[in-house]
């Protein structure tokens, strides 16, 4: 089963990953990172296909996808 991990300290919540996820599995955390940004988080891991679009689109390399 594929898994998405987001490094909260690298994410500045630009929203690109949320926009490209074909299954809308990512959302915005209510927590803040050390820089004061909300960060992306995976909401439903069971539906992830491992397409890696979120990781490819992330300009800060904050997302890793494991198959």
N, C-alpha and C. Protein backbone atom coordinates (compact mmCIF):
# COMPACT_ATOMS: atom_id res chain seq x y z
N UNK A 1 0.84 -1.17 0.00
CA UNK A 1 0.00 0.00 0.00
C UNK A 1 0.89 1.25 0.00
N UNK A 2 0.67 2.16 -0.92
CA UNK A 2 1.47 3.39 -0.98
C UNK A 2 1.25 4.26 0.25
N UNK A 3 2.27 5.04 0.57
CA UNK A 3 2.20 5.92 1.74
C UNK A 3 2.81 7.26 1.39
N UNK A 4 2.17 8.33 1.81
CA UNK A 4 2.67 9.68 1.61
C UNK A 4 3.16 10.21 2.95
N UNK A 5 4.36 10.78 2.96
CA UNK A 5 4.82 11.47 4.16
C UNK A 5 5.13 12.92 3.79
N UNK A 6 4.75 13.81 4.68
CA UNK A 6 4.99 15.23 4.49
C UNK A 6 5.88 15.71 5.62
N UNK A 7 6.98 16.33 5.29
CA UNK A 7 7.85 16.93 6.31
C UNK A 7 7.24 18.28 6.65
N UNK A 8 6.63 18.41 7.82
CA UNK A 8 5.94 19.66 8.15
C UNK A 8 6.85 20.88 8.19
N UNK A 9 8.11 20.68 8.49
CA UNK A 9 9.03 21.82 8.58
C UNK A 9 9.44 22.35 7.21
N UNK A 10 9.31 21.55 6.16
CA UNK A 10 9.63 22.01 4.81
C UNK A 10 8.41 22.57 4.09
N UNK A 11 7.23 22.14 4.49
CA UNK A 11 5.99 22.53 3.80
C UNK A 11 5.59 23.95 4.17
N UNK A 12 5.27 24.75 3.15
CA UNK A 12 4.76 26.11 3.39
C UNK A 12 3.32 26.26 2.92
N UNK A 13 2.68 25.12 2.69
CA UNK A 13 1.26 25.03 2.33
C UNK A 13 0.91 25.88 1.11
N UNK A 14 1.63 25.67 0.04
CA UNK A 14 1.35 26.39 -1.20
C UNK A 14 0.09 25.86 -1.87
N UNK A 15 -0.28 24.60 -1.56
CA UNK A 15 -1.51 24.02 -2.07
C UNK A 15 -1.38 23.29 -3.39
N UNK A 16 -0.19 23.25 -3.97
CA UNK A 16 -0.03 22.56 -5.25
C UNK A 16 -0.32 21.06 -5.14
N UNK A 17 0.09 20.45 -4.06
CA UNK A 17 -0.15 19.02 -3.88
C UNK A 17 -1.64 18.72 -3.75
N UNK A 18 -2.35 19.58 -3.07
CA UNK A 18 -3.79 19.40 -2.92
C UNK A 18 -4.49 19.49 -4.26
N UNK A 19 -4.02 20.38 -5.11
CA UNK A 19 -4.65 20.60 -6.41
C UNK A 19 -4.43 19.44 -7.38
N UNK A 20 -3.28 18.77 -7.30
CA UNK A 20 -2.98 17.73 -8.29
C UNK A 20 -3.37 16.32 -7.86
N UNK A 21 -3.67 16.10 -6.61
CA UNK A 21 -4.02 14.76 -6.14
C UNK A 21 -5.34 14.33 -6.79
N UNK A 22 -5.31 13.27 -7.61
CA UNK A 22 -6.52 12.85 -8.33
C UNK A 22 -7.61 12.31 -7.41
N UNK A 23 -7.24 11.89 -6.21
CA UNK A 23 -8.22 11.32 -5.28
C UNK A 23 -8.52 12.25 -4.11
N UNK A 24 -7.94 13.46 -4.13
CA UNK A 24 -8.15 14.46 -3.07
C UNK A 24 -7.88 13.89 -1.68
N UNK A 25 -6.70 13.28 -1.54
CA UNK A 25 -6.32 12.62 -0.29
C UNK A 25 -5.54 13.51 0.66
N UNK A 26 -5.16 14.69 0.21
CA UNK A 26 -4.38 15.58 1.05
C UNK A 26 -5.26 16.72 1.55
N UNK A 27 -4.94 17.18 2.74
CA UNK A 27 -5.65 18.30 3.32
C UNK A 27 -4.67 19.19 4.06
N UNK A 28 -5.20 20.25 4.65
CA UNK A 28 -4.37 21.20 5.37
C UNK A 28 -4.51 20.93 6.87
N UNK A 29 -3.38 20.78 7.52
CA UNK A 29 -3.38 20.54 8.96
C UNK A 29 -3.82 21.80 9.70
N UNK A 30 -4.42 21.60 10.85
CA UNK A 30 -4.77 22.74 11.69
C UNK A 30 -3.59 23.19 12.53
N UNK A 31 -2.55 22.37 12.58
CA UNK A 31 -1.34 22.71 13.33
C UNK A 31 -0.44 23.61 12.49
N UNK A 32 0.55 24.21 13.14
CA UNK A 32 1.52 25.07 12.48
C UNK A 32 2.91 24.45 12.59
N UNK A 33 3.77 24.72 11.60
CA UNK A 33 5.16 24.31 11.72
C UNK A 33 5.95 25.42 12.41
N UNK A 34 7.26 25.26 12.55
CA UNK A 34 8.08 26.24 13.26
C UNK A 34 8.12 27.60 12.57
N UNK A 35 7.86 27.60 11.26
CA UNK A 35 7.87 28.86 10.51
C UNK A 35 6.51 29.56 10.55
N UNK A 36 5.52 28.94 11.16
CA UNK A 36 4.21 29.54 11.28
C UNK A 36 3.24 29.21 10.16
N UNK A 37 3.58 28.23 9.34
CA UNK A 37 2.71 27.81 8.25
C UNK A 37 1.89 26.59 8.66
N UNK A 38 0.65 26.52 8.18
CA UNK A 38 -0.07 25.26 8.22
C UNK A 38 0.65 24.36 7.21
N UNK A 39 0.51 23.08 7.32
CA UNK A 39 1.19 22.18 6.39
C UNK A 39 0.22 21.14 5.86
N UNK A 40 0.56 20.55 4.74
CA UNK A 40 -0.28 19.51 4.13
C UNK A 40 -0.14 18.22 4.91
N UNK A 41 -1.21 17.43 4.89
CA UNK A 41 -1.18 16.12 5.53
C UNK A 41 -2.07 15.17 4.75
N UNK A 42 -1.72 13.89 4.81
CA UNK A 42 -2.51 12.88 4.12
C UNK A 42 -3.74 12.59 4.97
N UNK A 43 -4.90 12.56 4.32
CA UNK A 43 -6.16 12.34 5.04
C UNK A 43 -6.63 10.90 4.96
N UNK A 44 -6.48 10.25 3.81
CA UNK A 44 -6.99 8.90 3.63
C UNK A 44 -5.95 8.05 2.90
N UNK A 45 -5.18 7.29 3.65
CA UNK A 45 -4.08 6.53 3.04
C UNK A 45 -4.58 5.29 2.29
N UNK A 46 -5.77 4.82 2.58
CA UNK A 46 -6.26 3.60 1.95
C UNK A 46 -6.54 3.78 0.45
N UNK A 47 -6.82 4.99 0.03
CA UNK A 47 -7.17 5.25 -1.37
C UNK A 47 -5.98 5.70 -2.23
N UNK A 48 -4.82 5.86 -1.62
CA UNK A 48 -3.64 6.34 -2.34
C UNK A 48 -3.17 5.29 -3.34
N UNK A 49 -2.94 5.72 -4.58
CA UNK A 49 -2.46 4.81 -5.63
C UNK A 49 -0.95 4.93 -5.84
N UNK A 50 -0.31 5.88 -5.18
CA UNK A 50 1.13 6.05 -5.32
C UNK A 50 1.53 6.71 -6.62
N UNK A 51 0.68 7.55 -7.16
CA UNK A 51 0.97 8.18 -8.46
C UNK A 51 2.13 9.19 -8.39
N UNK A 52 2.44 9.67 -7.21
CA UNK A 52 3.55 10.59 -6.94
C UNK A 52 3.36 12.01 -7.48
N UNK A 53 2.18 12.35 -7.95
CA UNK A 53 1.96 13.70 -8.47
C UNK A 53 2.18 14.75 -7.38
N UNK A 54 1.78 14.45 -6.16
CA UNK A 54 1.96 15.40 -5.06
C UNK A 54 3.45 15.68 -4.82
N UNK A 55 4.25 14.62 -4.81
CA UNK A 55 5.69 14.78 -4.60
C UNK A 55 6.38 15.49 -5.74
N UNK A 56 5.93 15.24 -6.96
CA UNK A 56 6.51 15.89 -8.13
C UNK A 56 6.20 17.39 -8.13
N UNK A 57 5.00 17.75 -7.73
CA UNK A 57 4.57 19.15 -7.76
C UNK A 57 5.11 19.97 -6.59
N UNK A 58 5.53 19.33 -5.51
CA UNK A 58 5.98 20.07 -4.32
C UNK A 58 7.28 20.83 -4.61
N UNK A 59 7.23 22.18 -4.57
CA UNK A 59 8.43 22.96 -4.87
C UNK A 59 9.49 22.90 -3.76
N UNK A 60 9.10 22.44 -2.59
CA UNK A 60 10.02 22.41 -1.45
C UNK A 60 10.49 21.00 -1.11
N UNK A 61 10.14 20.01 -1.93
CA UNK A 61 10.52 18.62 -1.70
C UNK A 61 10.13 18.14 -0.31
N UNK A 62 8.96 18.57 0.15
CA UNK A 62 8.48 18.21 1.47
C UNK A 62 7.71 16.90 1.47
N UNK A 63 7.37 16.37 0.29
CA UNK A 63 6.55 15.17 0.20
C UNK A 63 7.34 14.01 -0.39
N UNK A 64 7.23 12.88 0.29
CA UNK A 64 7.82 11.63 -0.19
C UNK A 64 6.70 10.62 -0.35
N UNK A 65 6.75 9.84 -1.42
CA UNK A 65 5.75 8.81 -1.66
C UNK A 65 6.47 7.47 -1.69
N UNK A 66 5.99 6.55 -0.88
CA UNK A 66 6.57 5.21 -0.79
C UNK A 66 5.56 4.21 -1.33
N UNK A 67 6.01 3.32 -2.19
CA UNK A 67 5.12 2.27 -2.71
C UNK A 67 5.36 0.98 -1.98
